[in-house]
Amino acid sequence: MKNRFVLNEQIRENRLLIIDSDGTNLGEMTKQEALELAQKQGMDLVLFSTGDKPIAKIIDYGKFVYENKKKNKENKKNQVKVKNKEIKVKPAIGIHDLEVRVKNAKEWLSSGYRIRFVVLTYGRIATKVDLVYELYEKFISMVGDCATIQQPLKKVSNVQYESFLIPAKK
């Protein structure tokens, strides 16, 4: 991991606003005074902010990096991962094929997946927008109350319409 912070002698600013390891503001002092103070305590001087008044903190840098890694790992563990499934159809799909897609969609929704419903329109069928919306309404009515519409059907490109469905709250 690369150092994201500037430490000790690497700090270029001459006057710094210093904060102690317990968070108390020690006021403004020179870089040399702050380094001596940090070395007396057996800690590092870490630059956190540059600008008009550069801010440096006296901390144990190794411990700081370790705790940040630990915190990031914990946050990553607690993240909710959205699982997606996609259903692609054309407006000329047969009723049985649509029923199979609906059966799969219900199964996926009950498992907690988010469904991306895509209608592909190539060639002359692209001019028949009413067929696209009719198919979408049929699909939504067949899925029933298993799903709630997160994003209604909208045109994404010349040949593609898409909608997002999420599992219904019970």
Foldseek 3Di string as FASTA:
>chain_A
DDDPWQKQPRDDDFKAFEAEAVGHTPGIDGSVVVSVVLVVVPFIWIFDDDDPHTYIYTHHVVVVVVVVVVVVVVVVVPDDDAAEDEDEEELPDDPVVLLVVLVVVLVCQVVWHKYKYKYFADDPSLVVVVSVVVSVVVSDVSNPQQWDWPADWDDDDSTMIITMIHGHDD
